Structure formats: C-alpha cells, structure tokens
Amino acid sequence: MKALSGFKMLTLVLIAATAIAGCSSDSKPSSSPSGSNSPNETSGTAGEKQEVPYVEVWKENFSTIDVNEKSKISKYIAEQSGIGVIHPSIPWEGGSAYIQRLNTRIASGDLPDLFLPWQGNENTLITQGAVADLTDMLPKYAPHLWESVPEEVWDVVRTADPSGKGRIYYVPLVNTYTFYGSFIRKDWLDRVGMEVPKTQEEYVEVLRAFRDQDANGNGDPNDELPVSGREFGRWMDHLFGMYGIAMWEGFPMWDIYDGELTYSAVTPNMKDAIAFIRDLYAEKLLDQNTFLNQGSDWVSAIDGDKLGSWFHINTTLINRTKKIATVNPEVEVAALGIPKVDGYDGFITNTQLNRPNWLIANKDEETVIHALELLDWMENPDNVEKIVLGLEGVHYELVDGKPVFLQVDAATTEPKVMARAVNNLSSIQLENEIQLNAADPESARLYENRDQVLLDAQKYGKTIAGDGIPASVYEGYPDIRNHTLYQEYMTKIIIGELDISAFDEFVDKWYQSGGQAVTEAARAWYADLSK
C-alpha cells in the first residue's frame, strides 16, 4: 500500500497552523521505535524467540508514563495479541493539548500509526491521503471489529468519504446505549432535606439550597458550587437538554427542528435555554468561573467535594466518586436525568456513532495490518476481562484467587492502553460486573452506585438525526465547524455582557458567514443517508 503524495501538501498547510497554535515540540520516547518496522522479541509457542511488530498508538492518556517496547503493559499486550504497543504520555486538557501535539506530528510528516483524530481533522487527513483506506481490509484483518459495529453505523461512516465513493477511512467509537448523563449529589440532597428534582423549578430550588446551606457537611456553607461547566460552555449539556437541544459535550449538534435537519445552536430552543442559563449565572447558581474553567479546574471541583451537579460520561463516574470519597466518605450520586420544562421534550443527546475513534496512517500495508490486528484483539469478546482488569501486578492483584484492583497513580502506573471501540449496554454491564468483583469492599458501594446511575440514565437518551454527520459538510467553514461564533455569543449573553436579544444577531451572522451553505450540505447528507 503506497502512501499518497498529497500528504506533503498537508504537511505544508499544517506547519503554519502548528506554529500559530504555539505547539511545543513533540518527540516520541527516545527509547521507542517508530511504527511496526521496529521488532522486538517474545517467546513463541515452542519457546523460540519471535520478532514482535510494534504499533505506535495515540489516544486519550491520563497517565504521565510513556509506554515503549520495554514497558510491562506493552510486553503483556504483545504476548496476548502478537502486537507490541508504543504509547507516549500526551496531556489531554479537554483535547486542546492533545490536538496541539498531534498537529506537530502531522506537520512533521510522521503520523502515529494508530491514533485518535480530533476537532474534525479526519476529513483533511482523508482528503490528503494521509490515512489508510480500510474498506477491504477491515473484514479480513479485524473481523471481530467489523462484525461488532452495526451495519447502519458503517453506512454513516461511508458518508464521511470526501470523494463520495463510500469508502471507510476511520473506525468509529460506537455506543448503542446512553453514554452521557447528568448527576446530582444524593448525599447533599439528604443534608438539605430534598429529593432528586423532576422539574426545572424543583432543580432551581435544589441549586439554591446547595448554594445557601452546608450541603457537603464540612462546616462551611459557602464553598459549594451548585452547578458548573467548562470554558466555551462545555460539559453542562443537561441545562441545554431541558429545552430539547441536541448537544455533544457542549457542542451544538444537528437534529430535526420544524421538520428539517437544523444546527441546534440557531433554534428558538437554544435562545430559551441560554436565557435560563443566564438567569442561573446572575443568581450565582452557575459557577461564576464556568467560562474560565479548564478541564483540570472543573475536575478538581468535583473531586474536592465542591460541586453538587454536573454532566459527564456515565461510566467514568466511578473515577470521580473514588476521589470524592477521600474527602467525603459518605459520597453518593444519583442520576439527575433531564428535569422537565413545560413545552419542551428534553433529552440527553445520544449518538451511536459517538465520534471517529481511530485512524490508521497510510504508511505501508504491514503497518496497517498490524494496527487492524491490534484493534481486532481489543474487540474480541473473549478479551473483555483482560481489557477491564489490565495487567496483573500493575492494575490488579489476585487475592485468594479473586482479582482486586490496585491503587493507581498517574505519575507511576503504566496506562492500560487497551480500550474497546464498540459498546452496548450488555457489554458495559459485563465490564461493570468484572470491576465490581475486583473492587475492594470500600469501593464496591461506589461501583454499585455508578451502575445504578448508569441504568437510571438510559431512559433519558435520544439518538439524534445528525448522528455521525461528517466533517465534510463544514468544508471551507472552519469557524462554523469549531462553533466559534456560537461560543462567543452564548458566553457573552450568559455572563451578561450582551442582552438576550443579541441571540437574533448571532443567528443572522451565522447564516451569512457560511451557515446557509453548511445547512444545505448537512441536509443533502441527511437526505442521501435516508434513502
């Protein structure tokens, strides 16, 4: 498989973008070979030494440990799958630090072998021939992965081919259950004598109680944040979801409004949602630092027992409650769902095709095959327990024959690296059962709490019409793809710098600055998909 010459053009384009972004120079771990052309050795079935190909993997990584060919986790994966892994530590920071580092690699002309695309850059990489066409190779080299992804999702992935030929260039993150959820501190509710709110009015009253009373029970009634979000209005989707807004991690999405596929940011629903959130901010029920919070600030508030209500990924709730328990052992969380607002059908946005999850660099055929074989090993149902538990002695230990999770430290513990791309409720419940069985007694209650919240969240999800909309609809309009105008107006209106009437000005500007063309492209995509 030959790499296409167009990648050189992409390199020139992105060098300038990288310089502007002020990226720090990136390098792989000095001891780590690049790609699958760097063999190591492991024992074969007969005890003989066999060469092991290595694949460099880039994705979310919350460990500060570089994984290379000498790492325990890489050797373990090589023993299990026949493929070794190189996985450098990359700061995440909501994806902003990651994309800067990735842009540096793109600009250098040396992509990681297997990597997570971000901010819609998969379309440019596909167009320039930088990533491999997987259409014919997926069924052959990754049959478990191929069969795990629903056929209708592969159909949507094909629509992302900018050539219009319907080829498959990325592996999607697939969630056939409600992946996200809104949470509320049940132990805080108990302290202020209130129940989980069912309506918006009840929710506002709860937020006032969180603000005014000692809800976390630490003796200080002034250190609680009722609800919070992050910069650019991210990760408070439930506040928008009450008004039927299609929202993905704080980014407006596409759904059916007035009978047509429409960008949710320009709907009357959005205007009403922003007006409500503006009132929360004015009353100091919404964290006054919301639009300053980076990911670490926001997480610190949750982990520090300071935040009463938030929105995030259901399965990762256990990470938060374990941290909170070190400060407040009585922590208990409930599913908030979507409090009812009269006149609106609220929901949590669900996307089967959550996002593009893996691209494989268009290097040589051998590299592509090894990357697919690694992905297939991770999607094999027989390996679920290995992926959940991780490496014995690093992530868990056996006590009386039973696996028990070990305490992990981002600064000293190797990351698991392994991660499945296709998830449904039954597979998640299996993972939860494995985790619960491996939990120490103190953590078992927190796992059970998380599992109940996950189940309760399922009744609020709705798969939106714009599920899997390709980045190609934004071609030529990067600011619209990045939600720049929306974020500017939404922020200024909520914090009071602009009147709510400025929303109408935003809608006009959005359509005039390319929104009309993008809307036509999005509706054409949806019409083709619906045939």
Protein backbone atom coordinates (compact mmCIF):
# COMPACT_ATOMS: atom_id res chain seq x y z
CA MET A 1 0.00 0.00 0.00
CA LYS A 2 1.72 3.17 -1.14
CA ALA A 3 1.38 6.47 0.70
CA LEU A 4 -0.13 9.17 -1.47
CA SER A 5 1.88 12.24 -2.45
CA GLY A 6 -0.85 14.63 -1.29
CA PHE A 7 0.37 14.21 2.29
CA LYS A 8 3.27 16.56 1.55
CA MET A 9 0.79 19.29 0.72
CA LEU A 10 -0.99 18.64 4.04
CA THR A 11 2.33 18.95 5.85
CA LEU A 12 2.97 22.43 4.45
CA VAL A 13 -0.51 23.59 5.35
CA LEU A 14 -0.32 22.37 8.94
CA ILE A 15 3.19 23.67 9.67
CA ALA A 16 1.81 27.18 9.68
CA ALA A 17 -1.20 26.20 11.79
CA THR A 18 1.03 24.50 14.30
CA ALA A 19 3.32 27.49 14.60
CA ILE A 20 0.36 29.79 15.22
CA ALA A 21 -1.00 27.46 17.91
CA GLY A 22 2.34 27.70 19.71
CA CYS A 23 2.78 23.95 19.95
CA SER A 24 5.69 22.70 21.96
CA SER A 25 7.97 20.41 20.00
CA ASP A 26 6.93 16.80 20.20
CA SER A 27 9.00 13.71 20.22
CA LYS A 28 8.37 10.06 20.78
CA PRO A 29 10.01 8.41 23.77
CA SER A 30 13.69 8.23 22.87
CA SER A 31 13.78 4.53 23.56
CA SER A 32 10.70 3.82 21.46
CA PRO A 33 10.93 2.69 17.85
CA SER A 34 8.53 4.18 15.33
CA GLY A 35 5.76 2.13 13.77
CA SER A 36 5.65 -1.58 13.10
CA ASN A 37 9.09 -1.71 11.49
CA SER A 38 10.77 -1.97 14.89
CA PRO A 39 10.68 -5.60 16.03
CA ASN A 40 11.36 -6.90 19.49
CA GLU A 41 11.27 -10.50 20.66
CA THR A 42 8.91 -12.60 22.70
CA SER A 43 8.61 -16.30 23.35
CA GLY A 44 6.75 -18.35 20.77
CA THR A 45 4.55 -21.34 21.47
CA ALA A 46 7.52 -23.68 21.34
CA GLY A 47 9.75 -21.43 23.43
CA GLU A 48 11.64 -19.98 20.47
CA LYS A 49 12.14 -16.23 20.13
CA GLN A 50 9.87 -14.46 17.65
CA GLU A 51 10.00 -10.93 16.36
CA VAL A 52 7.17 -8.70 17.54
CA PRO A 53 5.95 -5.76 15.44
CA TYR A 54 5.14 -2.54 17.28
CA VAL A 55 2.33 -0.08 16.66
CA GLU A 56 2.55 3.49 17.92
CA VAL A 57 -0.83 4.39 19.45
CA TRP A 58 -2.08 7.88 20.30
CA LYS A 59 -5.31 8.46 22.22
CA GLU A 60 -6.55 9.91 25.50
CA ASN A 61 -3.92 9.12 28.09
CA PHE A 62 -4.26 10.32 31.67
CA SER A 63 -1.01 8.72 32.79
CA THR A 64 2.29 10.53 32.70
CA ILE A 65 4.11 7.28 31.94
CA ASP A 66 5.43 6.65 28.43
CA VAL A 67 4.76 3.13 27.19
CA ASN A 68 7.50 1.69 24.99
CA GLU A 69 8.84 -1.70 23.99
CA LYS A 70 10.33 -2.21 27.46
CA SER A 71 7.09 -1.47 29.34
CA LYS A 72 5.27 -4.25 31.18
CA ILE A 73 1.93 -3.40 29.57
CA SER A 74 3.44 -3.44 26.09
CA LYS A 75 5.04 -6.82 26.67
CA TYR A 76 1.75 -8.14 28.04
CA ILE A 77 -0.22 -6.94 25.01
CA ALA A 78 2.44 -8.42 22.73
CA GLU A 79 2.14 -11.77 24.47
CA GLN A 80 -1.64 -11.72 24.16
CA SER A 81 -2.10 -10.25 20.70
CA GLY A 82 1.22 -10.65 18.92
CA ILE A 83 1.46 -6.86 18.55
CA GLY A 84 3.51 -4.60 20.80
CA VAL A 85 2.40 -1.08 21.68
CA ILE A 86 4.16 2.27 21.95
CA HIS A 87 2.01 4.87 23.70
CA PRO A 88 3.60 8.19 24.70
CA SER A 89 2.18 10.24 27.52
CA ILE A 90 0.23 13.12 25.98
CA PRO A 91 -1.53 15.81 28.04
CA TRP A 92 -5.24 15.89 27.27
CA GLU A 93 -6.79 19.09 28.73
CA GLY A 94 -10.14 18.58 27.08
CA GLY A 95 -8.41 17.65 23.83
CA SER A 96 -6.67 21.01 23.34
CA ALA A 97 -3.22 19.85 24.44
CA TYR A 98 -3.63 16.59 22.53
CA ILE A 99 -4.51 18.26 19.21
CA GLN A 100 -1.53 20.60 19.50
CA ARG A 101 0.84 17.66 19.88
CA LEU A 102 -0.88 15.76 17.10
CA ASN A 103 -0.65 18.76 14.77
CA THR A 104 3.10 18.82 15.39
CA ARG A 105 3.36 15.20 14.27
CA ILE A 106 1.18 15.89 11.24
CA ALA A 107 3.33 18.85 10.28
CA SER A 108 6.47 16.70 10.57
CA GLY A 109 5.05 14.26 8.02
CA ASP A 110 5.29 11.38 10.50
CA LEU A 111 1.87 10.43 11.83
CA PRO A 112 1.46 7.91 14.66
CA ASP A 113 0.49 4.50 13.27
CA LEU A 114 -2.89 4.34 15.04
CA PHE A 115 -4.41 7.48 16.52
CA LEU A 116 -7.49 9.33 17.70
CA PRO A 117 -8.50 12.17 15.34
CA TRP A 118 -9.77 15.35 16.94
CA GLN A 119 -11.69 18.51 16.07
CA GLY A 120 -12.78 17.14 12.71
CA ASN A 121 -9.25 16.83 11.32
CA GLU A 122 -10.04 13.37 9.93
CA ASN A 123 -11.61 14.95 6.83
CA THR A 124 -8.44 16.85 5.91
CA LEU A 125 -6.27 13.81 6.58
CA ILE A 126 -8.52 11.63 4.42
CA THR A 127 -8.58 14.18 1.59
CA GLN A 128 -4.79 14.45 1.57
CA GLY A 129 -4.27 10.69 1.52
CA ALA A 130 -2.56 10.65 4.91
CA VAL A 131 -4.66 7.80 6.32
CA ALA A 132 -5.35 4.32 5.06
CA ASP A 133 -8.45 3.15 3.21
CA LEU A 134 -9.74 0.37 5.47
CA THR A 135 -12.76 -0.74 3.44
CA ASP A 136 -11.39 -4.01 2.12
CA MET A 137 -9.00 -4.77 4.97
CA LEU A 138 -11.38 -4.48 7.93
CA PRO A 139 -13.35 -7.70 7.32
CA LYS A 140 -10.15 -9.66 6.67
CA TYR A 141 -7.85 -8.44 9.44
CA ALA A 142 -10.34 -7.19 12.04
CA PRO A 143 -13.41 -9.46 11.76
CA HIS A 144 -14.47 -9.02 15.41
CA LEU A 145 -14.38 -5.26 15.00
CA TRP A 146 -16.14 -5.41 11.64
CA GLU A 147 -18.99 -7.51 12.98
CA SER A 148 -19.34 -5.55 16.24
CA VAL A 149 -20.17 -2.26 14.53
CA PRO A 150 -23.84 -2.13 13.44
CA GLU A 151 -24.28 -2.05 9.68
CA GLU A 152 -26.14 1.26 9.81
CA VAL A 153 -23.15 2.82 11.57
CA TRP A 154 -20.77 1.63 8.85
CA ASP A 155 -23.20 3.22 6.37
CA VAL A 156 -22.80 6.56 8.17
CA VAL A 157 -19.01 6.17 8.26
CA ARG A 158 -19.04 5.73 4.48
CA THR A 159 -20.71 9.13 4.11
CA ALA A 160 -17.56 10.70 5.58
CA ASP A 161 -15.58 9.76 2.45
CA PRO A 162 -14.93 13.20 0.89
CA SER A 163 -14.61 11.62 -2.57
CA GLY A 164 -18.19 10.42 -2.38
CA LYS A 165 -17.14 6.85 -3.19
CA GLY A 166 -18.33 5.50 0.16
CA ARG A 167 -15.00 4.17 1.37
CA ILE A 168 -14.22 3.57 5.05
CA TYR A 169 -11.33 5.55 6.48
CA TYR A 170 -11.93 5.53 10.20
CA VAL A 171 -13.08 3.23 12.98
CA PRO A 172 -15.91 4.84 14.96
CA LEU A 173 -16.48 4.94 18.69
CA VAL A 174 -19.85 3.22 18.89
CA ASN A 175 -22.20 3.49 21.86
CA THR A 176 -25.60 1.86 21.46
CA TYR A 177 -26.63 2.95 24.95
CA THR A 178 -26.94 6.36 26.63
CA PHE A 179 -23.28 7.23 27.05
CA TYR A 180 -23.67 10.54 28.89
CA GLY A 181 -25.57 11.51 31.99
CA SER A 182 -26.33 14.34 34.40
CA PHE A 183 -25.53 13.73 38.05
CA ILE A 184 -26.54 15.19 41.37
CA ARG A 185 -25.09 14.59 44.82
CA LYS A 186 -27.62 12.45 46.66
CA ASP A 187 -25.79 12.90 49.98
CA TRP A 188 -26.03 16.69 49.52
CA LEU A 189 -29.75 16.36 48.86
CA ASP A 190 -30.13 14.36 52.06
CA ARG A 191 -28.35 17.07 54.06
CA VAL A 192 -30.63 19.83 52.76
CA GLY A 193 -33.75 17.65 53.10
CA MET A 194 -34.66 17.49 49.41
CA GLU A 195 -35.30 14.85 46.75
CA VAL A 196 -33.90 14.42 43.25
CA PRO A 197 -35.68 17.18 41.28
CA LYS A 198 -38.06 16.19 38.50
CA THR A 199 -38.87 19.63 37.10
CA GLN A 200 -36.80 22.69 36.27
CA GLU A 201 -38.45 24.64 39.07
CA GLU A 202 -37.52 21.93 41.58
CA TYR A 203 -33.97 21.83 40.21
CA VAL A 204 -33.52 25.58 40.71
CA GLU A 205 -34.75 25.28 44.30
CA VAL A 206 -32.23 22.50 44.91
CA LEU A 207 -29.42 24.63 43.45
CA ARG A 208 -30.40 27.45 45.81
CA ALA A 209 -30.24 25.07 48.77
CA PHE A 210 -26.82 23.87 47.65
CA ARG A 211 -25.67 27.49 47.43
CA ASP A 212 -27.03 28.62 50.77
CA GLN A 213 -26.63 25.61 53.06
CA ASP A 214 -23.76 23.41 54.18
CA ALA A 215 -24.65 20.76 51.62
CA ASN A 216 -21.32 18.94 51.72
CA GLY A 217 -21.34 18.86 55.53
CA ASN A 218 -17.84 20.25 56.07
CA GLY A 219 -18.95 23.12 58.29
CA ASP A 220 -18.58 25.80 55.62
CA PRO A 221 -21.86 26.78 53.90
CA ASN A 222 -20.04 29.00 51.41
CA ASP A 223 -17.76 26.64 49.49
CA GLU A 224 -20.36 24.70 47.48
CA LEU A 225 -20.88 25.22 43.73
CA PRO A 226 -24.45 24.25 42.80
CA VAL A 227 -23.69 23.52 39.13
CA SER A 228 -20.71 24.23 36.90
CA GLY A 229 -19.40 23.89 33.38
CA ARG A 230 -16.17 24.50 31.50
CA GLU A 231 -14.76 27.10 29.14
CA PHE A 232 -16.78 27.63 25.95
CA GLY A 233 -19.88 26.44 27.79
CA ARG A 234 -18.86 22.82 27.66
CA TRP A 235 -19.99 19.90 29.84
CA MET A 236 -23.26 21.32 31.11
CA ASP A 237 -25.37 19.71 28.42
CA HIS A 238 -28.28 18.95 30.73
CA LEU A 239 -29.02 22.67 31.09
CA PHE A 240 -29.50 22.82 27.33
CA GLY A 241 -31.07 19.37 27.08
CA MET A 242 -34.07 20.53 29.10
CA TYR A 243 -35.04 22.55 26.04
CA GLY A 244 -34.60 19.75 23.52
CA ILE A 245 -31.18 20.95 22.39
CA ALA A 246 -29.00 18.39 20.61
CA MET A 247 -25.65 18.88 22.35
CA TRP A 248 -22.49 16.79 22.41
CA GLU A 249 -20.06 17.64 25.22
CA GLY A 250 -21.05 21.31 24.91
CA PHE A 251 -21.00 21.43 21.12
CA PRO A 252 -24.36 22.06 19.40
CA MET A 253 -25.34 19.22 17.10
CA TRP A 254 -27.82 18.62 14.28
CA ASP A 255 -31.34 17.33 14.82
CA ILE A 256 -34.83 17.74 13.40
CA TYR A 257 -36.42 21.10 14.21
CA ASP A 258 -39.57 22.27 12.43
CA GLY A 259 -39.34 19.20 10.22
CA GLU A 260 -35.81 19.78 8.90
CA LEU A 261 -32.27 18.92 9.93
CA THR A 262 -31.01 22.05 11.67
CA TYR A 263 -27.99 23.15 13.71
CA SER A 264 -29.38 23.29 17.24
CA ALA A 265 -27.49 26.49 18.10
CA VAL A 266 -29.69 28.63 15.84
CA THR A 267 -33.08 27.37 17.05
CA PRO A 268 -35.59 29.16 19.31
CA ASN A 269 -34.96 26.30 21.75
CA MET A 270 -31.37 27.48 22.12
CA LYS A 271 -32.44 31.07 22.78
CA ASP A 272 -34.70 29.91 25.59
CA ALA A 273 -32.00 27.65 27.04
CA ILE A 274 -29.43 30.47 27.05
CA ALA A 275 -31.94 32.77 28.75
CA PHE A 276 -32.44 30.18 31.50
CA ILE A 277 -28.70 29.62 31.99
CA ARG A 278 -28.20 33.41 32.04
CA ASP A 279 -30.59 33.58 34.99
CA LEU A 280 -28.67 30.81 36.79
CA TYR A 281 -25.44 32.72 36.30
CA ALA A 282 -26.95 36.00 37.50
CA GLU A 283 -28.20 34.29 40.66
CA LYS A 284 -24.79 32.66 41.19
CA LEU A 285 -26.28 29.21 40.91
CA LEU A 286 -24.00 28.53 37.94
CA ASP A 287 -20.31 28.62 38.88
CA GLN A 288 -19.03 32.15 38.13
CA ASN A 289 -15.78 30.61 36.81
CA THR A 290 -17.57 28.32 34.36
CA PHE A 291 -16.20 30.10 31.29
CA LEU A 292 -12.70 30.20 32.75
CA ASN A 293 -12.57 26.58 33.89
CA GLN A 294 -10.20 24.29 32.08
CA GLY A 295 -10.76 20.56 32.41
CA SER A 296 -8.46 20.23 35.42
CA ASP A 297 -10.21 23.08 37.27
CA TRP A 298 -13.61 21.52 36.73
CA VAL A 299 -12.49 18.04 37.76
CA SER A 300 -10.81 19.45 40.87
CA ALA A 301 -14.11 20.99 41.96
CA ILE A 302 -15.87 17.63 41.60
CA ASP A 303 -13.10 15.62 43.26
CA GLY A 304 -12.79 18.17 46.06
CA ASP A 305 -16.44 17.74 47.15
CA LYS A 306 -17.32 21.24 45.94
CA LEU A 307 -19.76 20.57 43.08
CA GLY A 308 -23.37 19.49 43.55
CA SER A 309 -24.48 18.81 39.98
CA TRP A 310 -22.66 18.15 36.72
CA PHE A 311 -22.77 16.40 33.34
CA HIS A 312 -20.32 13.82 32.03
CA ILE A 313 -19.76 10.25 30.85
CA ASN A 314 -21.76 7.68 32.82
CA THR A 315 -19.10 5.01 33.12
CA THR A 316 -16.42 7.41 34.39
CA LEU A 317 -18.50 8.42 37.40
CA ILE A 318 -16.56 5.86 39.45
CA ASN A 319 -13.35 7.84 38.89
CA ARG A 320 -14.96 10.90 40.41
CA THR A 321 -16.66 9.23 43.38
CA LYS A 322 -13.46 7.44 44.38
CA LYS A 323 -11.70 10.80 44.55
CA ILE A 324 -14.58 12.45 46.41
CA ALA A 325 -14.60 9.57 48.92
CA THR A 326 -11.11 10.54 50.07
CA VAL A 327 -12.60 13.88 51.18
CA ASN A 328 -16.16 12.84 51.96
CA PRO A 329 -16.59 9.08 52.56
CA GLU A 330 -20.38 9.43 52.56
CA VAL A 331 -20.49 10.45 48.89
CA GLU A 332 -23.49 9.18 46.96
CA VAL A 333 -24.57 10.28 43.49
CA ALA A 334 -27.95 9.99 41.76
CA ALA A 335 -28.96 10.28 38.13
CA LEU A 336 -30.46 13.73 37.63
CA GLY A 337 -31.70 12.99 34.14
CA ILE A 338 -33.43 15.92 32.42
CA PRO A 339 -35.74 17.99 34.63
CA LYS A 340 -39.00 18.74 32.83
CA VAL A 341 -39.65 22.16 31.27
CA ASP A 342 -43.21 22.84 30.12
CA GLY A 343 -43.49 22.99 26.35
CA TYR A 344 -40.28 21.07 25.62
CA ASP A 345 -39.31 17.45 25.16
CA GLY A 346 -35.96 17.30 26.88
CA PHE A 347 -33.36 14.60 26.32
CA ILE A 348 -29.73 13.61 26.68
CA THR A 349 -28.12 13.52 23.27
CA ASN A 350 -27.19 10.02 22.23
CA THR A 351 -25.09 9.22 19.20
CA GLN A 352 -24.47 5.63 18.19
CA LEU A 353 -21.51 6.93 16.24
CA ASN A 354 -20.07 8.92 19.10
CA ARG A 355 -17.12 10.20 17.07
CA PRO A 356 -14.31 8.96 14.82
CA ASN A 357 -12.18 6.88 17.19
CA TRP A 358 -9.25 5.53 15.19
CA LEU A 359 -7.36 6.49 12.06
CA ILE A 360 -4.51 4.40 10.70
CA ALA A 361 -1.66 6.21 9.00
CA ASN A 362 -1.23 5.43 5.31
CA LYS A 363 2.32 4.11 5.63
CA ASP A 364 2.83 0.56 4.39
CA GLU A 365 0.47 -2.40 4.19
CA GLU A 366 2.23 -4.22 7.02
CA THR A 367 1.71 -1.32 9.44
CA VAL A 368 -1.97 -1.10 8.54
CA ILE A 369 -2.45 -4.84 9.02
CA HIS A 370 -0.75 -4.81 12.43
CA ALA A 371 -2.88 -1.88 13.58
CA LEU A 372 -6.04 -3.67 12.49
CA GLU A 373 -4.96 -6.88 14.21
CA LEU A 374 -4.40 -4.95 17.43
CA LEU A 375 -7.86 -3.36 17.19
CA ASP A 376 -9.41 -6.74 16.48
CA TRP A 377 -7.79 -8.25 19.56
CA MET A 378 -9.30 -5.46 21.66
CA GLU A 379 -12.78 -6.02 20.17
CA ASN A 380 -12.74 -9.80 20.63
CA PRO A 381 -15.38 -10.60 23.30
CA ASP A 382 -13.04 -13.22 24.74
CA ASN A 383 -10.68 -10.43 25.81
CA VAL A 384 -13.12 -8.22 27.72
CA GLU A 385 -11.81 -9.31 31.10
CA LYS A 386 -8.19 -8.69 30.08
CA ILE A 387 -9.04 -5.18 28.93
CA VAL A 388 -11.05 -4.30 32.04
CA LEU A 389 -8.58 -5.71 34.57
CA GLY A 390 -5.37 -4.66 32.84
CA LEU A 391 -2.05 -6.13 33.89
CA GLU A 392 -1.66 -8.29 36.99
CA GLY A 393 0.71 -6.69 39.46
CA VAL A 394 0.21 -3.26 37.89
CA HIS A 395 -3.54 -2.69 37.75
CA TYR A 396 -4.80 -5.56 39.88
CA GLU A 397 -3.62 -8.45 42.03
CA LEU A 398 -5.08 -11.83 42.86
CA VAL A 399 -6.23 -12.28 46.45
CA ASP A 400 -7.45 -15.79 47.24
CA GLY A 401 -7.88 -16.30 43.51
CA LYS A 402 -10.01 -13.17 43.13
CA PRO A 403 -8.79 -10.12 41.19
CA VAL A 404 -8.62 -6.95 43.28
CA PHE A 405 -7.85 -3.56 41.76
CA LEU A 406 -4.72 -1.80 42.95
CA GLN A 407 -4.48 1.90 43.65
CA VAL A 408 -3.11 3.61 40.55
CA ASP A 409 -1.09 6.79 40.32
CA ALA A 410 -0.89 8.70 37.04
CA ALA A 411 2.74 9.50 37.79
CA THR A 412 3.87 5.93 38.47
CA THR A 413 1.35 3.48 36.96
CA GLU A 414 1.54 2.41 33.34
CA PRO A 415 -1.73 3.09 31.47
CA LYS A 416 -3.79 0.12 30.32
CA VAL A 417 -3.70 1.38 26.69
CA MET A 418 -6.30 -1.26 25.80
CA ALA A 419 -9.75 0.11 25.01
CA ARG A 420 -12.76 -1.18 23.12
CA ALA A 421 -14.43 0.99 20.47
CA VAL A 422 -17.84 -0.71 20.39
CA ASN A 423 -20.05 -0.65 23.48
CA ASN A 424 -23.62 -1.67 24.19
CA LEU A 425 -25.45 -1.88 27.49
CA SER A 426 -24.87 -5.62 27.92
CA SER A 427 -21.12 -5.29 27.31
CA ILE A 428 -20.94 -2.34 29.70
CA GLN A 429 -22.82 -4.32 32.34
CA LEU A 430 -20.35 -7.18 31.89
CA GLU A 431 -17.47 -4.76 32.37
CA ASN A 432 -19.20 -3.35 35.43
CA GLU A 433 -19.60 -6.84 36.89
CA ILE A 434 -15.90 -7.54 36.39
CA GLN A 435 -15.00 -4.23 38.00
CA LEU A 436 -17.34 -4.82 40.92
CA ASN A 437 -15.92 -8.28 41.57
CA ALA A 438 -12.41 -6.81 41.59
CA ALA A 439 -13.27 -3.90 43.87
CA ASP A 440 -12.23 -3.69 47.48
CA PRO A 441 -15.11 -3.58 49.98
CA GLU A 442 -14.91 0.20 50.37
CA SER A 443 -15.06 0.74 46.62
CA ALA A 444 -17.81 -1.84 45.98
CA ARG A 445 -20.51 0.56 47.17
CA LEU A 446 -19.23 3.22 44.77
CA TYR A 447 -19.27 0.77 41.84
CA GLU A 448 -22.82 -0.24 42.70
CA ASN A 449 -23.79 3.43 42.91
CA ARG A 450 -22.24 4.09 39.49
CA ASP A 451 -24.01 1.10 37.95
CA GLN A 452 -27.40 2.27 39.25
CA VAL A 453 -26.80 5.78 37.90
CA LEU A 454 -25.89 4.28 34.51
CA LEU A 455 -29.13 2.26 34.39
CA ASP A 456 -31.24 5.22 35.51
CA ALA A 457 -29.73 7.40 32.77
CA GLN A 458 -30.89 5.10 29.99
CA LYS A 459 -34.46 6.43 29.95
CA TYR A 460 -33.34 9.96 29.07
CA GLY A 461 -31.29 9.28 25.93
CA LYS A 462 -32.35 10.09 22.38
CA THR A 463 -30.35 9.29 19.24
CA ILE A 464 -30.29 12.47 17.19
CA ALA A 465 -30.84 12.73 13.43
CA GLY A 466 -27.38 14.21 12.95
CA ASP A 467 -25.68 11.11 14.35
CA GLY A 468 -22.36 10.76 12.53
CA ILE A 469 -22.63 13.88 10.38
CA PRO A 470 -19.29 14.07 8.52
CA ALA A 471 -16.79 16.89 8.88
CA SER A 472 -17.01 17.37 5.11
CA VAL A 473 -20.23 19.39 5.48
CA TYR A 474 -18.10 22.14 7.04
CA GLU A 475 -15.58 22.22 4.21
CA GLY A 476 -14.39 25.80 3.78
CA TYR A 477 -16.02 26.97 7.02
CA PRO A 478 -13.69 26.04 9.90
CA ASP A 479 -15.16 28.60 12.31
CA ILE A 480 -18.59 27.05 11.94
CA ARG A 481 -17.17 23.58 12.43
CA ASN A 482 -15.44 24.83 15.60
CA HIS A 483 -18.62 26.58 16.85
CA THR A 484 -16.64 29.83 17.20
CA LEU A 485 -19.47 32.32 16.66
CA TYR A 486 -21.89 30.35 18.81
CA GLN A 487 -19.44 30.15 21.70
CA GLU A 488 -18.72 33.89 21.55
CA TYR A 489 -22.36 34.97 21.66
CA MET A 490 -23.50 32.26 24.07
CA THR A 491 -20.76 33.17 26.56
CA LYS A 492 -21.31 36.92 26.41
CA ILE A 493 -25.09 36.59 26.75
CA ILE A 494 -24.88 34.24 29.74
CA ILE A 495 -22.38 36.36 31.68
CA GLY A 496 -24.39 39.49 30.93
CA GLU A 497 -22.11 41.31 28.50
CA LEU A 498 -24.83 41.10 25.84
CA ASP A 499 -28.60 41.18 26.11
CA ILE A 500 -30.57 38.07 25.19
CA SER A 501 -31.76 39.97 22.10
CA ALA A 502 -28.22 39.57 20.72
CA PHE A 503 -29.09 35.94 20.03
CA ASP A 504 -31.05 37.00 16.95
CA GLU A 505 -27.99 38.89 15.71
CA PHE A 506 -25.93 35.72 16.17
CA VAL A 507 -28.36 33.66 14.10
CA ASP A 508 -28.26 36.17 11.24
CA LYS A 509 -24.43 36.31 11.32
CA TRP A 510 -24.17 32.53 11.44
CA TYR A 511 -26.24 32.03 8.30
CA GLN A 512 -24.47 34.88 6.49
CA SER A 513 -20.97 33.66 7.37
CA GLY A 514 -21.44 30.21 5.87
CA GLY A 515 -24.20 28.68 7.93
CA GLN A 516 -26.56 28.62 4.98
CA ALA A 517 -24.09 26.66 2.85
CA VAL A 518 -23.31 24.28 5.71
CA THR A 519 -27.02 23.74 6.36
CA GLU A 520 -27.62 22.87 2.71
CA ALA A 521 -24.70 20.41 2.78
CA ALA A 522 -25.93 18.85 6.03
CA ARG A 523 -29.46 18.42 4.70
CA ALA A 524 -28.15 16.91 1.47
CA TRP A 525 -26.11 14.42 3.52
CA TYR A 526 -29.17 13.54 5.60
CA ALA A 527 -31.34 13.11 2.51
CA ASP A 528 -28.81 10.72 0.95
CA LEU A 529 -28.48 8.79 4.21
CA SER A 530 -32.27 8.48 4.49
CA LYS A 531 -32.73 6.99 1.01
